[in-house]
C-alpha atoms as a PDB file:
ATOM      1  CA  MET A   1     -11.096  10.111  -2.044  1.00  0.00           C
ATOM      2  CA  LYS A   2      -7.584  10.612  -3.370  1.00  0.00           C
ATOM      3  CA  PHE A   3      -4.940   8.236  -2.106  1.00  0.00           C
ATOM      4  CA  ILE A   4      -1.885   9.875  -0.558  1.00  0.00           C
ATOM      5  CA  HIS A   5       1.002   7.647  -1.498  1.00  0.00           C
ATOM      6  CA  ARG A   6       4.692   7.100  -1.947  1.00  0.00           C
ATOM      7  CA  VAL A   7       5.764   4.208  -4.143  1.00  0.00           C
ATOM      8  CA  PHE A   8       9.220   2.757  -4.688  1.00  0.00           C
ATOM      9  CA  LEU A   9       9.449  -0.055  -7.214  1.00  0.00           C
ATOM     10  CA  PRO A  10      12.556  -2.196  -6.640  1.00  0.00           C
ATOM     11  CA  ILE A  11      14.792  -3.293  -9.481  1.00  0.00           C
ATOM     12  CA  PHE A  12      14.028  -6.480 -11.374  1.00  0.00           C
ATOM     13  CA  LEU A  13      11.047  -7.853  -9.507  1.00  0.00           C
ATOM     14  CA  VAL A  14      12.259 -10.932  -7.669  1.00  0.00           C
ATOM     15  CA  SER A  15      10.687 -11.261  -4.238  1.00  0.00           C
ATOM     16  CA  ALA A  16       7.315 -10.035  -3.033  1.00  0.00           C
ATOM     17  CA  ALA A  17       8.934  -9.041   0.239  1.00  0.00           C
ATOM     18  CA  PHE A  18      10.590  -6.151  -1.609  1.00  0.00           C
ATOM     19  CA  PHE A  19       7.289  -4.559  -2.479  1.00  0.00           C
ATOM     20  CA  PHE A  20       6.294  -3.745   1.046  1.00  0.00           C
ATOM     21  CA  CYS A  21       7.213  -0.104   0.747  1.00  0.00           C
ATOM     22  CA  LEU A  22       4.079   1.497  -0.593  1.00  0.00           C
ATOM     23  CA  ASP A  23       2.817   4.083   1.847  1.00  0.00           C
ATOM     24  CA  LEU A  24      -0.885   4.872   1.536  1.00  0.00           C
ATOM     25  CA  THR A  25      -2.682   7.002   4.070  1.00  0.00           C
ATOM     26  CA  GLY A  26      -6.190   7.180   2.645  1.00  0.00           C
ATOM     27  CA  LEU A  27      -7.390   8.510   5.968  1.00  0.00           C
ATOM     28  CA  ARG A  28     -10.458  10.604   6.473  1.00  0.00           C
ATOM     29  CA  GLN A  29     -11.403  13.697   8.421  1.00  0.00           C
ATOM     30  CA  VAL A  30      -9.059  14.530  11.294  1.00  0.00           C
ATOM     31  CA  SER A  31      -6.622  11.706  10.536  1.00  0.00           C
ATOM     32  CA  ALA A  32      -5.978  13.035   7.023  1.00  0.00           C
ATOM     33  CA  TYR A  33      -5.398  16.490   8.471  1.00  0.00           C
ATOM     34  CA  ALA A  34      -2.929  15.137  11.008  1.00  0.00           C
ATOM     35  CA  MET A  35      -1.003  13.349   8.294  1.00  0.00           C
ATOM     36  CA  GLU A  36      -0.794  16.353   5.973  1.00  0.00           C
ATOM     37  CA  ASN A  37      -0.173  19.061   8.579  1.00  0.00           C
ATOM     38  CA  ASN A  38       1.740  19.379  11.830  1.00  0.00           C
ATOM     39  CA  PRO A  39       1.177  16.203  13.872  1.00  0.00           C
ATOM     40  CA  ASP A  40       2.758  17.819  16.945  1.00  0.00           C
ATOM     41  CA  VAL A  41      -0.317  20.036  17.318  1.00  0.00           C
ATOM     42  CA  TRP A  42      -2.613  17.031  17.316  1.00  0.00           C
ATOM     43  CA  THR A  43      -0.423  15.204  19.814  1.00  0.00           C
ATOM     44  CA  ILE A  44      -0.607  18.121  22.241  1.00  0.00           C
ATOM     45  CA  GLU A  45      -4.331  18.715  21.786  1.00  0.00           C
ATOM     46  CA  ALA A  46      -5.204  15.027  22.162  1.00  0.00           C
ATOM     47  CA  SER A  47      -3.035  14.727  25.265  1.00  0.00           C
ATOM     48  CA  ARG A  48      -4.868  17.659  26.827  1.00  0.00           C
ATOM     49  CA  ALA A  49      -8.193  16.045  26.002  1.00  0.00           C
ATOM     50  CA  LEU A  50      -7.072  12.825  27.687  1.00  0.00           C
ATOM     51  CA  GLU A  51      -6.095  14.725  30.830  1.00  0.00           C
ATOM     52  CA  THR A  52      -9.702  15.865  31.047  1.00  0.00           C
ATOM     53  CA  ASN A  53     -11.221  12.527  30.027  1.00  0.00           C
ATOM     54  CA  PRO A  54      -8.942   9.457  30.089  1.00  0.00           C
ATOM     55  CA  GLN A  55     -11.722   7.423  28.428  1.00  0.00           C
ATOM     56  CA  ASP A  56     -11.911   9.579  25.315  1.00  0.00           C
ATOM     57  CA  ALA A  57     -11.637   7.127  22.398  1.00  0.00           C
ATOM     58  CA  LYS A  58     -11.494   9.938  19.828  1.00  0.00           C
ATOM     59  CA  ALA A  59      -8.547  11.569  21.609  1.00  0.00           C
ATOM     60  CA  TYR A  60      -6.621   8.301  21.596  1.00  0.00           C
ATOM     61  CA  PHE A  61      -7.462   7.907  17.927  1.00  0.00           C
ATOM     62  CA  ASN A  62      -6.298  11.433  17.083  1.00  0.00           C
ATOM     63  CA  ARG A  63      -3.079  11.118  19.076  1.00  0.00           C
ATOM     64  CA  GLY A  64      -2.348   7.657  17.674  1.00  0.00           C
ATOM     65  CA  THR A  65      -2.827   8.961  14.147  1.00  0.00           C
ATOM     66  CA  ALA A  66      -0.572  11.926  14.912  1.00  0.00           C
ATOM     67  CA  TYR A  67       2.092   9.560  16.241  1.00  0.00           C
ATOM     68  CA  TYR A  68       1.875   7.700  12.938  1.00  0.00           C
ATOM     69  CA  GLY A  69       2.485  10.988  11.146  1.00  0.00           C
ATOM     70  CA  LYS A  70       5.574  11.435  13.331  1.00  0.00           C
ATOM     71  CA  GLU A  71       6.720   7.898  12.439  1.00  0.00           C
ATOM     72  CA  ASP A  72       6.468   6.792  16.078  1.00  0.00           C
ATOM     73  CA  TYR A  73       4.680   3.570  15.196  1.00  0.00           C
ATOM     74  CA  GLU A  74       4.967   1.923  18.609  1.00  0.00           C
ATOM     75  CA  ALA A  75       3.223   4.873  20.267  1.00  0.00           C
ATOM     76  CA  ALA A  76       0.662   4.927  17.460  1.00  0.00           C
ATOM     77  CA  ILE A  77      -0.200   1.270  18.011  1.00  0.00           C
ATOM     78  CA  LYS A  78      -0.505   1.797  21.764  1.00  0.00           C
ATOM     79  CA  ASP A  79      -2.925   4.734  21.442  1.00  0.00           C
ATOM     80  CA  LEU A  80      -4.934   3.207  18.605  1.00  0.00           C
ATOM     81  CA  SER A  81      -5.271   0.003  20.615  1.00  0.00           C
ATOM     82  CA  MET A  82      -6.699   2.045  23.489  1.00  0.00           C
ATOM     83  CA  SER A  83      -9.106   3.733  21.076  1.00  0.00           C
ATOM     84  CA  ILE A  84     -10.232   0.304  19.829  1.00  0.00           C
ATOM     85  CA  THR A  85     -10.693  -0.961  23.390  1.00  0.00           C
ATOM     86  CA  LEU A  86     -12.943   2.015  24.168  1.00  0.00           C
ATOM     87  CA  GLU A  87     -14.718   2.030  20.777  1.00  0.00           C
ATOM     88  CA  PRO A  88     -14.348  -1.384  19.116  1.00  0.00           C
ATOM     89  CA  LYS A  89     -16.588  -0.618  16.136  1.00  0.00           C
ATOM     90  CA  ALA A  90     -14.580   2.264  14.626  1.00  0.00           C
ATOM     91  CA  PRO A  91     -13.066   0.965  11.366  1.00  0.00           C
ATOM     92  CA  ASP A  92     -10.558   3.786  10.882  1.00  0.00           C
ATOM     93  CA  ALA A  93      -8.873   2.921  14.188  1.00  0.00           C
ATOM     94  CA  TYR A  94      -8.191  -0.614  12.935  1.00  0.00           C
ATOM     95  CA  TYR A  95      -7.060   0.755   9.594  1.00  0.00           C
ATOM     96  CA  ASN A  96      -4.653   3.265  11.120  1.00  0.00           C
ATOM     97  CA  ARG A  97      -3.277   0.626  13.475  1.00  0.00           C
ATOM     98  CA  GLY A  98      -2.875  -1.686  10.501  1.00  0.00           C
ATOM     99  CA  LEU A  99      -0.822   1.007   8.750  1.00  0.00           C
ATOM    100  CA  SER A 100       1.375   1.251  11.844  1.00  0.00           C
ATOM    101  CA  TYR A 101       1.867  -2.518  11.964  1.00  0.00           C
ATOM    102  CA  ARG A 102       2.693  -2.461   8.277  1.00  0.00           C
ATOM    103  CA  ARG A 103       5.416   0.107   8.812  1.00  0.00           C
ATOM    104  CA  GLN A 104       6.861  -2.217  11.477  1.00  0.00           C
ATOM    105  CA  HIS A 105       6.758  -5.103   8.981  1.00  0.00           C
ATOM    106  CA  LYS A 106       4.230  -6.962  11.134  1.00  0.00           C
ATOM    107  CA  ILE A 107       2.315  -8.165   8.110  1.00  0.00           C
ATOM    108  CA  ASP A 108      -0.054 -10.647   9.745  1.00  0.00           C
ATOM    109  CA  GLU A 109      -1.180  -8.074  12.296  1.00  0.00           C
ATOM    110  CA  ALA A 110      -1.662  -5.501   9.554  1.00  0.00           C
ATOM    111  CA  ILE A 111      -3.786  -7.874   7.470  1.00  0.00           C
ATOM    112  CA  SER A 112      -5.898  -8.706  10.523  1.00  0.00           C
ATOM    113  CA  ASP A 113      -6.587  -5.023  11.197  1.00  0.00           C
ATOM    114  CA  PHE A 114      -7.369  -4.222   7.562  1.00  0.00           C
ATOM    115  CA  THR A 115      -9.742  -7.191   7.509  1.00  0.00           C
ATOM    116  CA  MET A 116     -11.529  -5.954  10.627  1.00  0.00           C
ATOM    117  CA  ALA A 117     -11.842  -2.484   9.109  1.00  0.00           C
ATOM    118  CA  ILE A 118     -13.421  -4.020   6.004  1.00  0.00           C
ATOM    119  CA  GLN A 119     -15.825  -6.064   8.109  1.00  0.00           C
ATOM    120  CA  LEU A 120     -16.930  -2.927   9.917  1.00  0.00           C
ATOM    121  CA  TYR A 121     -17.184  -0.791   6.778  1.00  0.00           C
ATOM    122  CA  SER A 122     -16.851  -2.321   3.344  1.00  0.00           C
ATOM    123  CA  GLY A 123     -17.187   0.915   1.373  1.00  0.00           C
ATOM    124  CA  GLN A 124     -13.684   2.352   1.887  1.00  0.00           C
ATOM    125  CA  PRO A 125     -11.348   1.535  -1.047  1.00  0.00           C
ATOM    126  CA  ALA A 126      -8.184   2.318   0.939  1.00  0.00           C
ATOM    127  CA  TYR A 127      -8.913  -0.612   3.274  1.00  0.00           C
ATOM    128  CA  TYR A 128      -8.853  -3.039   0.337  1.00  0.00           C
ATOM    129  CA  PHE A 129      -5.851  -1.316  -1.233  1.00  0.00           C
ATOM    130  CA  GLU A 130      -3.724  -1.623   1.886  1.00  0.00           C
ATOM    131  CA  ARG A 131      -4.731  -5.248   2.457  1.00  0.00           C
ATOM    132  CA  CYS A 132      -3.809  -5.913  -1.173  1.00  0.00           C
ATOM    133  CA  ASN A 133      -0.397  -4.405  -0.518  1.00  0.00           C
ATOM    134  CA  ALA A 134       0.116  -6.610   2.541  1.00  0.00           C
ATOM    135  CA  LEU A 135      -1.113  -9.739   0.751  1.00  0.00           C
ATOM    136  CA  ILE A 136       1.520  -9.217  -1.950  1.00  0.00           C
ATOM    137  CA  VAL A 137       4.153  -9.405   0.764  1.00  0.00           C
ATOM    138  CA  LYS A 138       2.640 -12.738   1.851  1.00  0.00           C
ATOM    139  CA  ASN A 139       2.768 -13.973  -1.774  1.00  0.00           C
ATOM    140  CA  ASP A 140      -1.031 -14.233  -1.809  1.00  0.00           C
ATOM    141  CA  PHE A 141      -1.349 -12.778  -5.284  1.00  0.00           C
ATOM    142  CA  ASP A 142      -4.881 -14.063  -5.890  1.00  0.00           C
ATOM    143  CA  GLY A 143      -6.076 -12.374  -2.715  1.00  0.00           C
ATOM    144  CA  ALA A 144      -4.213  -9.214  -3.669  1.00  0.00           C
ATOM    145  CA  VAL A 145      -5.849  -9.114  -7.099  1.00  0.00           C
ATOM    146  CA  ALA A 146      -9.279  -9.609  -5.513  1.00  0.00           C
ATOM    147  CA  ASP A 147      -8.740  -6.771  -3.041  1.00  0.00           C
ATOM    148  CA  CYS A 148      -7.425  -4.308  -5.613  1.00  0.00           C
ATOM    149  CA  SER A 149     -10.302  -5.226  -7.914  1.00  0.00           C
ATOM    150  CA  GLU A 150     -12.716  -4.265  -5.155  1.00  0.00           C
ATOM    151  CA  ALA A 151     -10.830  -1.008  -4.556  1.00  0.00           C
ATOM    152  CA  ILE A 152     -11.147  -0.271  -8.279  1.00  0.00           C
ATOM    153  CA  ARG A 153     -14.861  -1.055  -8.202  1.00  0.00           C
ATOM    154  CA  LEU A 154     -15.323   1.427  -5.360  1.00  0.00           C
ATOM    155  CA  SER A 155     -13.009   4.092  -6.821  1.00  0.00           C
ATOM    156  CA  PRO A 156     -12.405   3.389 -10.520  1.00  0.00           C
ATOM    157  CA  GLN A 157     -10.223   6.425 -11.243  1.00  0.00           C
ATOM    158  CA  GLU A 158      -7.413   5.701  -8.762  1.00  0.00           C
ATOM    159  CA  PRO A 159      -4.236   4.898 -10.724  1.00  0.00           C
ATOM    160  CA  GLU A 160      -2.544   3.407  -7.645  1.00  0.00           C
ATOM    161  CA  ALA A 161      -5.097   0.607  -7.504  1.00  0.00           C
ATOM    162  CA  TYR A 162      -4.436  -0.366 -11.115  1.00  0.00           C
ATOM    163  CA  PHE A 163      -0.704  -0.179 -10.517  1.00  0.00           C
ATOM    164  CA  LEU A 164      -0.782  -2.451  -7.482  1.00  0.00           C
ATOM    165  CA  ARG A 165      -3.111  -4.948  -9.153  1.00  0.00           C
ATOM    166  CA  GLY A 166      -0.779  -4.920 -12.146  1.00  0.00           C
ATOM    167  CA  LEU A 167       2.117  -5.686  -9.815  1.00  0.00           C
ATOM    168  CA  ALA A 168       0.209  -8.634  -8.329  1.00  0.00           C
ATOM    169  CA  TYR A 169      -0.607  -9.890 -11.826  1.00  0.00           C
ATOM    170  CA  MET A 170       3.039  -9.670 -12.819  1.00  0.00           C
ATOM    171  CA  LEU A 171       4.142 -11.660  -9.799  1.00  0.00           C
ATOM    172  CA  LYS A 172       1.504 -14.267 -10.654  1.00  0.00           C
ATOM    173  CA  GLY A 173       2.904 -14.478 -14.161  1.00  0.00           C
ATOM    174  CA  ASN A 174      -0.193 -12.957 -15.789  1.00  0.00           C
ATOM    175  CA  LEU A 175       1.849 -10.555 -17.875  1.00  0.00           C
ATOM    176  CA  ASP A 176      -0.848  -9.396 -20.284  1.00  0.00           C
ATOM    177  CA  GLU A 177      -3.115  -8.436 -17.390  1.00  0.00           C
ATOM    178  CA  ALA A 178      -0.172  -6.705 -15.700  1.00  0.00           C
ATOM    179  CA  LEU A 179       0.450  -4.611 -18.807  1.00  0.00           C
ATOM    180  CA  ALA A 180      -3.242  -3.764 -19.174  1.00  0.00           C
ATOM    181  CA  ASP A 181      -3.435  -2.470 -15.598  1.00  0.00           C
ATOM    182  CA  SER A 182      -0.157  -0.562 -15.889  1.00  0.00           C
ATOM    183  CA  PHE A 183      -1.302   1.187 -19.058  1.00  0.00           C
ATOM    184  CA  LYS A 184      -4.639   1.979 -17.387  1.00  0.00           C
ATOM    185  CA  ALA A 185      -2.777   3.608 -14.513  1.00  0.00           C
ATOM    186  CA  LEU A 186      -0.832   5.694 -17.041  1.00  0.00           C
ATOM    187  CA  GLN A 187      -4.006   6.627 -18.870  1.00  0.00           C
ATOM    188  CA  ILE A 188      -5.408   8.052 -15.648  1.00  0.00           C
ATOM    189  CA  SER A 189      -2.120   9.600 -14.528  1.00  0.00           C
ATOM    190  CA  PRO A 190       0.266  10.121 -17.486  1.00  0.00           C
ATOM    191  CA  ASP A 191       3.182  11.102 -15.240  1.00  0.00           C
ATOM    192  CA  TYR A 192       2.926   8.007 -13.050  1.00  0.00           C
ATOM    193  CA  ARG A 193       6.606   7.031 -13.062  1.00  0.00           C
ATOM    194  CA  ASP A 194       6.204   3.729 -11.227  1.00  0.00           C
ATOM    195  CA  ALA A 195       3.593   2.507 -13.703  1.00  0.00           C
ATOM    196  CA  LYS A 196       6.079   3.205 -16.497  1.00  0.00           C
ATOM    197  CA  ARG A 197       8.707   1.211 -14.661  1.00  0.00           C
ATOM    198  CA  LEU A 198       6.312  -1.665 -14.108  1.00  0.00           C
ATOM    199  CA  ILE A 199       5.531  -1.716 -17.834  1.00  0.00           C
ATOM    200  CA  PHE A 200       9.243  -1.844 -18.577  1.00  0.00           C
ATOM    201  CA  GLU A 201       9.840  -4.694 -16.118  1.00  0.00           C
ATOM    202  CA  THR A 202       6.852  -6.624 -17.445  1.00  0.00           C
ATOM    203  CA  LEU A 203       8.059  -6.295 -21.019  1.00  0.00           C
ATOM    204  CA  LEU A 204      11.471  -7.570 -19.961  1.00  0.00           C
ATOM    205  CA  LYS A 205       9.832 -10.533 -18.297  1.00  0.00           C
ATOM    206  CA  LYS A 206       7.765 -11.252 -21.403  1.00  0.00           C
ATOM    207  CA  GLU A 207      10.945 -11.176 -23.473  1.00  0.00           C
ATOM    208  CA  SER A 208      12.637 -13.553 -21.062  1.00  0.00           C
ATOM    209  CA  VAL A 209       9.699 -15.960 -21.223  1.00  0.00           C
ATOM    210  CA  SER A 210       9.793 -15.813 -25.019  1.00  0.00           C
ATOM    211  CA  GLN A 211      13.515 -16.538 -25.090  1.00  0.00           C
ATOM    212  CA  ARG A 212      13.154 -19.530 -22.793  1.00  0.00           C
ATOM    213  CA  ALA A 213      10.513 -20.897 -25.109  1.00  0.00           C
ATOM    214  CA  HIS A 214      13.004 -20.766 -28.006  1.00  0.00           C
ATOM    215  CA  SER A 215      16.164 -21.834 -26.247  1.00  0.00           C
ATOM    216  CA  ALA A 216      17.183 -24.799 -24.141  1.00  0.00           C
ATOM    217  CA  ALA A 217      19.740 -22.579 -22.376  1.00  0.00           C
ATOM    218  CA  PRO A 218      17.995 -19.447 -21.086  1.00  0.00           C
ATOM    219  CA  HIS A 219      20.109 -16.323 -20.901  1.00  0.00           C
ATOM    220  CA  LYS A 220      19.642 -12.633 -20.324  1.00  0.00           C
ATOM    221  CA  SER A 221      19.280 -10.555 -23.445  1.00  0.00           C
ATOM    222  CA  VAL A 222      21.257  -7.406 -24.138  1.00  0.00           C
ATOM    223  CA  LEU A 223      18.030  -5.448 -23.700  1.00  0.00           C
ATOM    224  CA  GLU A 224      17.424  -6.986 -20.299  1.00  0.00           C
ATOM    225  CA  HIS A 225      20.953  -6.197 -19.105  1.00  0.00           C
ATOM    226  CA  LYS A 226      20.611  -2.625 -20.283  1.00  0.00           C
ATOM    227  CA  GLY A 227      17.197  -2.345 -18.647  1.00  0.00           C
ATOM    228  CA  VAL A 228      18.472  -3.381 -15.240  1.00  0.00           C
ATOM    229  CA  GLY A 229      21.248  -0.840 -15.566  1.00  0.00           C
ATOM    230  CA  ILE A 230      18.764   1.902 -16.365  1.00  0.00           C
ATOM    231  CA  ILE A 231      16.647   1.084 -13.331  1.00  0.00           C
ATOM    232  CA  ASN A 232      19.683   0.838 -11.057  1.00  0.00           C
ATOM    233  CA  GLU A 233      20.848   4.251 -12.236  1.00  0.00           C
ATOM    234  CA  SER A 234      17.424   5.767 -11.616  1.00  0.00           C
ATOM    235  CA  LEU A 235      17.406   4.594  -8.001  1.00  0.00           C
ATOM    236  CA  THR A 236      20.815   5.875  -7.038  1.00  0.00           C
END
């Protein structure tokens, strides 16, 4: 499975709350199709199916996933909740609802849904990846590392998993591990821009730590000031 993603790495990593902008949709079967193609078609088709059978859990799932693709997260949560009520043992419904909660910045609800998805099916790396992402927002870096490690075990050639684990390591202060994961992500995907940026930020942080160890009055180096300027320019 290839993760579908969009990553924005904020300047000079300060608060874990800033990192809650990674959009993964590692959805399977019809949900992946709805994300990648026209979600309006799925909305119409699922609505027709529900007119025929208002207890159709799959139709609610399909329409809820299509609403997510249309960025109507409230409607997505409503339909996916109905799908879960009718079929409470479908892990993808919890996962998709968790994605919708995440986009609404309802982190606790998202973590709860990702956890339920994992309990129902522990073999899907995207479930662990997304929970890792949410745990970073909660400053639970140990939990985030554990989840991304499991995602890597299940799918060892996904650069996004190494990147996100590297981010969690950096926020923990484990800078060598952060660099190792960032370089691994680049090894798998040489054009992975965000991994390059994470390497740069981690090196700046290592320099800052080294300076503090040699000075009673910590200060930003010329390199660090220039680095922040470079990143600011790249985001404008």
